[in-house]
Amino acid sequence: MKETIIKVKGMVCNGCENRVQNALKTIDGVSDVVADHNKGIVTVNAKEEVAKSVMEEKIEDIGFEVIKED
């Protein structure tokens, strides 16, 4: 398993956390997702072959902004 942390802008409540978690859980290979709107992060546990870009795209598709670090 690989843990990935994604910074997300726009989550303001538990409902936002649930939307992000539910969206990411639809990706094949994702086993667990914990979103924290207070910290603005999403922690994803997935198999090695799940690309971070796929997760980020899913978050953006539901209306949140991913903060990408260089």
PDB file of N, CA and C in Angstrom:
ATOM      1  N   MET A   1       0.834  -1.187   0.000  1.00  0.00           N
ATOM      2  CA  MET A   1       0.000   0.000   0.000  1.00  0.00           C
ATOM      3  C   MET A   1       0.880   1.252   0.000  1.00  0.00           C
ATOM      4  N   LYS A   2       0.362   2.254  -0.622  1.00  0.00           N
ATOM      5  CA  LYS A   2       1.064   3.522  -0.699  1.00  0.00           C
ATOM      6  C   LYS A   2       0.155   4.620  -0.169  1.00  0.00           C
ATOM      7  N   GLU A   3       0.685   5.458   0.725  1.00  0.00           N
ATOM      8  CA  GLU A   3      -0.084   6.575   1.259  1.00  0.00           C
ATOM      9  C   GLU A   3       0.265   7.828   0.479  1.00  0.00           C
ATOM     10  N   THR A   4      -0.761   8.535   0.026  1.00  0.00           N
ATOM     11  CA  THR A   4      -0.590   9.769  -0.712  1.00  0.00           C
ATOM     12  C   THR A   4      -1.350  10.869   0.006  1.00  0.00           C
ATOM     13  N   ILE A   5      -0.700  12.015   0.198  1.00  0.00           N
ATOM     14  CA  ILE A   5      -1.351  13.167   0.823  1.00  0.00           C
ATOM     15  C   ILE A   5      -1.523  14.239  -0.243  1.00  0.00           C
ATOM     16  N   ILE A   6      -2.753  14.713  -0.376  1.00  0.00           N
ATOM     17  CA  ILE A   6      -3.087  15.726  -1.377  1.00  0.00           C
ATOM     18  C   ILE A   6      -3.657  16.938  -0.655  1.00  0.00           C
ATOM     19  N   LYS A   7      -3.105  18.117  -0.958  1.00  0.00           N
ATOM     20  CA  LYS A   7      -3.641  19.358  -0.399  1.00  0.00           C
ATOM     21  C   LYS A   7      -4.808  19.812  -1.261  1.00  0.00           C
ATOM     22  N   VAL A   8      -5.915  20.142  -0.589  1.00  0.00           N
ATOM     23  CA  VAL A   8      -7.137  20.507  -1.295  1.00  0.00           C
ATOM     24  C   VAL A   8      -7.680  21.827  -0.748  1.00  0.00           C
ATOM     25  N   LYS A   9      -8.043  22.716  -1.657  1.00  0.00           N
ATOM     26  CA  LYS A   9      -8.630  24.001  -1.289  1.00  0.00           C
ATOM     27  C   LYS A   9     -10.122  23.944  -1.587  1.00  0.00           C
ATOM     28  N   GLY A  10     -10.926  24.442  -0.671  1.00  0.00           N
ATOM     29  CA  GLY A  10     -12.364  24.512  -0.909  1.00  0.00           C
ATOM     30  C   GLY A  10     -13.213  23.614  -0.028  1.00  0.00           C
ATOM     31  N   MET A  11     -12.579  22.709   0.713  1.00  0.00           N
ATOM     32  CA  MET A  11     -13.357  21.878   1.645  1.00  0.00           C
ATOM     33  C   MET A  11     -13.629  22.721   2.887  1.00  0.00           C
ATOM     34  N   VAL A  12     -14.911  22.911   3.210  1.00  0.00           N
ATOM     35  CA  VAL A  12     -15.246  23.777   4.337  1.00  0.00           C
ATOM     36  C   VAL A  12     -16.085  23.091   5.424  1.00  0.00           C
ATOM     37  N   CYS A  13     -16.484  21.828   5.170  1.00  0.00           N
ATOM     38  CA  CYS A  13     -17.349  21.160   6.143  1.00  0.00           C
ATOM     39  C   CYS A  13     -17.239  19.647   6.011  1.00  0.00           C
ATOM     40  N   ASN A  14     -17.941  18.942   6.900  1.00  0.00           N
ATOM     41  CA  ASN A  14     -17.951  17.480   6.844  1.00  0.00           C
ATOM     42  C   ASN A  14     -18.570  16.963   5.554  1.00  0.00           C
ATOM     43  N   GLY A  15     -19.537  17.692   5.021  1.00  0.00           N
ATOM     44  CA  GLY A  15     -20.152  17.293   3.760  1.00  0.00           C
ATOM     45  C   GLY A  15     -19.141  17.309   2.619  1.00  0.00           C
ATOM     46  N   CYS A  16     -18.269  18.317   2.634  1.00  0.00           N
ATOM     47  CA  CYS A  16     -17.205  18.393   1.625  1.00  0.00           C
ATOM     48  C   CYS A  16     -16.262  17.201   1.767  1.00  0.00           C
ATOM     49  N   GLU A  17     -15.903  16.888   3.000  1.00  0.00           N
ATOM     50  CA  GLU A  17     -15.038  15.731   3.250  1.00  0.00           C
ATOM     51  C   GLU A  17     -15.671  14.468   2.679  1.00  0.00           C
ATOM     52  N   ASN A  18     -16.957  14.276   2.935  1.00  0.00           N
ATOM     53  CA  ASN A  18     -17.660  13.077   2.448  1.00  0.00           C
ATOM     54  C   ASN A  18     -17.686  13.017   0.930  1.00  0.00           C
ATOM     55  N   ARG A  19     -17.898  14.152   0.275  1.00  0.00           N
ATOM     56  CA  ARG A  19     -17.914  14.178  -1.196  1.00  0.00           C
ATOM     57  C   ARG A  19     -16.567  13.743  -1.750  1.00  0.00           C
ATOM     58  N   VAL A  20     -15.481  14.272  -1.171  1.00  0.00           N
ATOM     59  CA  VAL A  20     -14.135  13.926  -1.643  1.00  0.00           C
ATOM     60  C   VAL A  20     -13.852  12.449  -1.382  1.00  0.00           C
ATOM     61  N   GLN A  21     -14.144  12.005  -0.167  1.00  0.00           N
ATOM     62  CA  GLN A  21     -13.894  10.603   0.190  1.00  0.00           C
ATOM     63  C   GLN A  21     -14.659   9.656  -0.723  1.00  0.00           C
ATOM     64  N   ASN A  22     -15.934   9.920  -0.936  1.00  0.00           N
ATOM     65  CA  ASN A  22     -16.758   9.042  -1.771  1.00  0.00           C
ATOM     66  C   ASN A  22     -16.280   9.031  -3.217  1.00  0.00           C
ATOM     67  N   ALA A  23     -15.867  10.185  -3.730  1.00  0.00           N
ATOM     68  CA  ALA A  23     -15.377  10.252  -5.112  1.00  0.00           C
ATOM     69  C   ALA A  23     -14.096   9.442  -5.267  1.00  0.00           C
ATOM     70  N   LEU A  24     -13.172   9.586  -4.332  1.00  0.00           N
ATOM     71  CA  LEU A  24     -11.896   8.883  -4.439  1.00  0.00           C
ATOM     72  C   LEU A  24     -12.043   7.382  -4.249  1.00  0.00           C
ATOM     73  N   LYS A  25     -13.010   6.970  -3.449  1.00  0.00           N
ATOM     74  CA  LYS A  25     -13.225   5.540  -3.228  1.00  0.00           C
ATOM     75  C   LYS A  25     -13.742   4.835  -4.475  1.00  0.00           C
ATOM     76  N   THR A  26     -14.193   5.588  -5.492  1.00  0.00           N
ATOM     77  CA  THR A  26     -14.656   4.969  -6.736  1.00  0.00           C
ATOM     78  C   THR A  26     -13.490   4.586  -7.646  1.00  0.00           C
ATOM     79  N   ILE A  27     -12.289   5.019  -7.322  1.00  0.00           N
ATOM     80  CA  ILE A  27     -11.113   4.702  -8.137  1.00  0.00           C
ATOM     81  C   ILE A  27     -10.634   3.293  -7.794  1.00  0.00           C
ATOM     82  N   ASP A  28     -10.458   2.468  -8.809  1.00  0.00           N
ATOM     83  CA  ASP A  28      -9.949   1.116  -8.590  1.00  0.00           C
ATOM     84  C   ASP A  28      -8.576   1.172  -7.940  1.00  0.00           C
ATOM     85  N   GLY A  29      -8.390   0.407  -6.870  1.00  0.00           N
ATOM     86  CA  GLY A  29      -7.108   0.357  -6.188  1.00  0.00           C
ATOM     87  C   GLY A  29      -7.055   1.197  -4.932  1.00  0.00           C
ATOM     88  N   VAL A  30      -7.997   2.125  -4.767  1.00  0.00           N
ATOM     89  CA  VAL A  30      -8.036   2.953  -3.557  1.00  0.00           C
ATOM     90  C   VAL A  30      -8.735   2.166  -2.461  1.00  0.00           C
ATOM     91  N   SER A  31      -8.043   2.022  -1.319  1.00  0.00           N
ATOM     92  CA  SER A  31      -8.614   1.219  -0.241  1.00  0.00           C
ATOM     93  C   SER A  31      -9.184   2.057   0.899  1.00  0.00           C
ATOM     94  N   ASP A  32      -8.603   3.239   1.145  1.00  0.00           N
ATOM     95  CA  ASP A  32      -9.055   4.056   2.268  1.00  0.00           C
ATOM     96  C   ASP A  32      -8.778   5.520   1.969  1.00  0.00           C
ATOM     97  N   VAL A  33      -9.709   6.384   2.373  1.00  0.00           N
ATOM     98  CA  VAL A  33      -9.556   7.820   2.168  1.00  0.00           C
ATOM     99  C   VAL A  33      -9.996   8.542   3.428  1.00  0.00           C
ATOM    100  N   VAL A  34      -9.183   9.495   3.891  1.00  0.00           N
ATOM    101  CA  VAL A  34      -9.551  10.342   5.019  1.00  0.00           C
ATOM    102  C   VAL A  34      -9.329  11.786   4.595  1.00  0.00           C
ATOM    103  N   ALA A  35     -10.421  12.559   4.561  1.00  0.00           N
ATOM    104  CA  ALA A  35     -10.334  13.977   4.229  1.00  0.00           C
ATOM    105  C   ALA A  35     -10.473  14.789   5.508  1.00  0.00           C
ATOM    106  N   ASP A  36      -9.722  15.880   5.605  1.00  0.00           N
ATOM    107  CA  ASP A  36      -9.765  16.755   6.777  1.00  0.00           C
ATOM    108  C   ASP A  36      -9.888  18.195   6.291  1.00  0.00           C
ATOM    109  N   HIS A  37     -11.100  18.752   6.399  1.00  0.00           N
ATOM    110  CA  HIS A  37     -11.305  20.109   5.895  1.00  0.00           C
ATOM    111  C   HIS A  37     -10.594  21.158   6.735  1.00  0.00           C
ATOM    112  N   ASN A  38     -10.363  20.873   8.013  1.00  0.00           N
ATOM    113  CA  ASN A  38      -9.649  21.826   8.869  1.00  0.00           C
ATOM    114  C   ASN A  38      -8.193  21.992   8.442  1.00  0.00           C
ATOM    115  N   LYS A  39      -7.561  20.896   8.045  1.00  0.00           N
ATOM    116  CA  LYS A  39      -6.164  20.932   7.608  1.00  0.00           C
ATOM    117  C   LYS A  39      -6.033  21.134   6.105  1.00  0.00           C
ATOM    118  N   GLY A  40      -7.126  20.914   5.372  1.00  0.00           N
ATOM    119  CA  GLY A  40      -7.095  21.055   3.920  1.00  0.00           C
ATOM    120  C   GLY A  40      -6.308  19.960   3.230  1.00  0.00           C
ATOM    121  N   ILE A  41      -6.363  18.757   3.809  1.00  0.00           N
ATOM    122  CA  ILE A  41      -5.642  17.634   3.203  1.00  0.00           C
ATOM    123  C   ILE A  41      -6.535  16.404   3.072  1.00  0.00           C
ATOM    124  N   VAL A  42      -6.158  15.574   2.119  1.00  0.00           N
ATOM    125  CA  VAL A  42      -6.802  14.277   1.925  1.00  0.00           C
ATOM    126  C   VAL A  42      -5.695  13.237   1.951  1.00  0.00           C
ATOM    127  N   THR A  43      -5.864  12.210   2.772  1.00  0.00           N
ATOM    128  CA  THR A  43      -4.904  11.115   2.850  1.00  0.00           C
ATOM    129  C   THR A  43      -5.536   9.896   2.184  1.00  0.00           C
ATOM    130  N   VAL A  44      -4.825   9.378   1.171  1.00  0.00           N
ATOM    131  CA  VAL A  44      -5.346   8.264   0.388  1.00  0.00           C
ATOM    132  C   VAL A  44      -4.401   7.071   0.518  1.00  0.00           C
ATOM    133  N   ASN A  45      -4.940   5.919   0.856  1.00  0.00           N
ATOM    134  CA  ASN A  45      -4.186   4.670   0.846  1.00  0.00           C
ATOM    135  C   ASN A  45      -4.631   3.869  -0.358  1.00  0.00           C
ATOM    136  N   ALA A  46      -3.661   3.532  -1.201  1.00  0.00           N
ATOM    137  CA  ALA A  46      -3.982   2.841  -2.443  1.00  0.00           C
ATOM    138  C   ALA A  46      -2.849   1.924  -2.839  1.00  0.00           C
ATOM    139  N   LYS A  47      -3.166   1.052  -3.802  1.00  0.00           N
ATOM    140  CA  LYS A  47      -2.129   0.204  -4.378  1.00  0.00           C
ATOM    141  C   LYS A  47      -1.138   1.091  -5.118  1.00  0.00           C
ATOM    142  N   GLU A  48       0.064   0.602  -5.273  1.00  0.00           N
ATOM    143  CA  GLU A  48       1.143   1.358  -5.918  1.00  0.00           C
ATOM    144  C   GLU A  48       0.763   1.912  -7.287  1.00  0.00           C
ATOM    145  N   GLU A  49      -0.051   1.164  -8.046  1.00  0.00           N
ATOM    146  CA  GLU A  49      -0.299   1.557  -9.426  1.00  0.00           C
ATOM    147  C   GLU A  49      -1.310   2.691  -9.623  1.00  0.00           C
ATOM    148  N   VAL A  50      -1.904   3.199  -8.544  1.00  0.00           N
ATOM    149  CA  VAL A  50      -2.835   4.311  -8.677  1.00  0.00           C
ATOM    150  C   VAL A  50      -2.030   5.613  -8.728  1.00  0.00           C
ATOM    151  N   ALA A  51      -2.127   6.317  -9.850  1.00  0.00           N
ATOM    152  CA  ALA A  51      -1.368   7.555 -10.035  1.00  0.00           C
ATOM    153  C   ALA A  51      -1.994   8.706  -9.249  1.00  0.00           C
ATOM    154  N   LYS A  52      -1.135   9.538  -8.667  1.00  0.00           N
ATOM    155  CA  LYS A  52      -1.606  10.704  -7.921  1.00  0.00           C
ATOM    156  C   LYS A  52      -2.417  11.616  -8.834  1.00  0.00           C
ATOM    157  N   SER A  53      -2.019  11.713 -10.095  1.00  0.00           N
ATOM    158  CA  SER A  53      -2.731  12.583 -11.042  1.00  0.00           C
ATOM    159  C   SER A  53      -4.185  12.149 -11.237  1.00  0.00           C
ATOM    160  N   VAL A  54      -4.433  10.842 -11.161  1.00  0.00           N
ATOM    161  CA  VAL A  54      -5.798  10.324 -11.288  1.00  0.00           C
ATOM    162  C   VAL A  54      -6.635  10.780 -10.088  1.00  0.00           C
ATOM    163  N   MET A  55      -6.047  10.720  -8.908  1.00  0.00           N
ATOM    164  CA  MET A  55      -6.738  11.159  -7.696  1.00  0.00           C
ATOM    165  C   MET A  55      -7.017  12.660  -7.746  1.00  0.00           C
ATOM    166  N   GLU A  56      -6.019  13.426  -8.164  1.00  0.00           N
ATOM    167  CA  GLU A  56      -6.171  14.877  -8.238  1.00  0.00           C
ATOM    168  C   GLU A  56      -7.266  15.264  -9.237  1.00  0.00           C
ATOM    169  N   GLU A  57      -7.303  14.580 -10.350  1.00  0.00           N
ATOM    170  CA  GLU A  57      -8.316  14.869 -11.373  1.00  0.00           C
ATOM    171  C   GLU A  57      -9.715  14.593 -10.836  1.00  0.00           C
ATOM    172  N   LYS A  58      -9.859  13.511 -10.081  1.00  0.00           N
ATOM    173  CA  LYS A  58     -11.157  13.155  -9.509  1.00  0.00           C
ATOM    174  C   LYS A  58     -11.626  14.238  -8.537  1.00  0.00           C
ATOM    175  N   ILE A  59     -10.707  14.764  -7.729  1.00  0.00           N
ATOM    176  CA  ILE A  59     -11.037  15.830  -6.775  1.00  0.00           C
ATOM    177  C   ILE A  59     -11.470  17.089  -7.524  1.00  0.00           C
ATOM    178  N   GLU A  60     -10.741  17.435  -8.574  1.00  0.00           N
ATOM    179  CA  GLU A  60     -11.074  18.632  -9.353  1.00  0.00           C
ATOM    180  C   GLU A  60     -12.401  18.460 -10.099  1.00  0.00           C
ATOM    181  N   ASP A  61     -12.704  17.240 -10.526  1.00  0.00           N
ATOM    182  CA  ASP A  61     -13.955  16.966 -11.242  1.00  0.00           C
ATOM    183  C   ASP A  61     -15.187  17.254 -10.385  1.00  0.00           C
ATOM    184  N   ILE A  62     -15.050  17.136  -9.063  1.00  0.00           N
ATOM    185  CA  ILE A  62     -16.210  17.399  -8.195  1.00  0.00           C
ATOM    186  C   ILE A  62     -16.199  18.819  -7.626  1.00  0.00           C
ATOM    187  N   GLY A  63     -15.285  19.664  -8.132  1.00  0.00           N
ATOM    188  CA  GLY A  63     -15.352  21.086  -7.807  1.00  0.00           C
ATOM    189  C   GLY A  63     -14.381  21.632  -6.785  1.00  0.00           C
ATOM    190  N   PHE A  64     -13.402  20.848  -6.382  1.00  0.00           N
ATOM    191  CA  PHE A  64     -12.416  21.340  -5.428  1.00  0.00           C
ATOM    192  C   PHE A  64     -11.098  21.606  -6.132  1.00  0.00           C
ATOM    193  N   GLU A  65     -10.281  22.458  -5.548  1.00  0.00           N
ATOM    194  CA  GLU A  65      -8.997  22.806  -6.141  1.00  0.00           C
ATOM    195  C   GLU A  65      -7.874  22.029  -5.456  1.00  0.00           C
ATOM    196  N   VAL A  66      -7.058  21.369  -6.252  1.00  0.00           N
ATOM    197  CA  VAL A  66      -5.881  20.661  -5.730  1.00  0.00           C
ATOM    198  C   VAL A  66      -4.724  21.651  -5.718  1.00  0.00           C
ATOM    199  N   ILE A  67      -4.039  21.740  -4.597  1.00  0.00           N
ATOM    200  CA  ILE A  67      -2.859  22.595  -4.483  1.00  0.00           C
ATOM    201  C   ILE A  67      -1.645  21.728  -4.780  1.00  0.00           C
ATOM    202  N   LYS A  68      -1.069  21.949  -5.949  1.00  0.00           N
ATOM    203  CA  LYS A  68       0.067  21.141  -6.379  1.00  0.00           C
ATOM    204  C   LYS A  68       1.365  21.784  -5.924  1.00  0.00           C
ATOM    205  N   GLU A  69       2.227  20.947  -5.396  1.00  0.00           N
ATOM    206  CA  GLU A  69       3.517  21.427  -4.918  1.00  0.00           C
ATOM    207  C   GLU A  69       4.581  21.083  -5.930  1.00  0.00           C
ATOM    208  N   ASP A  70       5.503  21.995  -6.136  1.00  0.00           N
ATOM    209  CA  ASP A  70       6.590  21.753  -7.096  1.00  0.00           C
ATOM    210  C   ASP A  70       7.674  20.895  -6.516  1.00  0.00           C
TER     211      ASP A  70
END
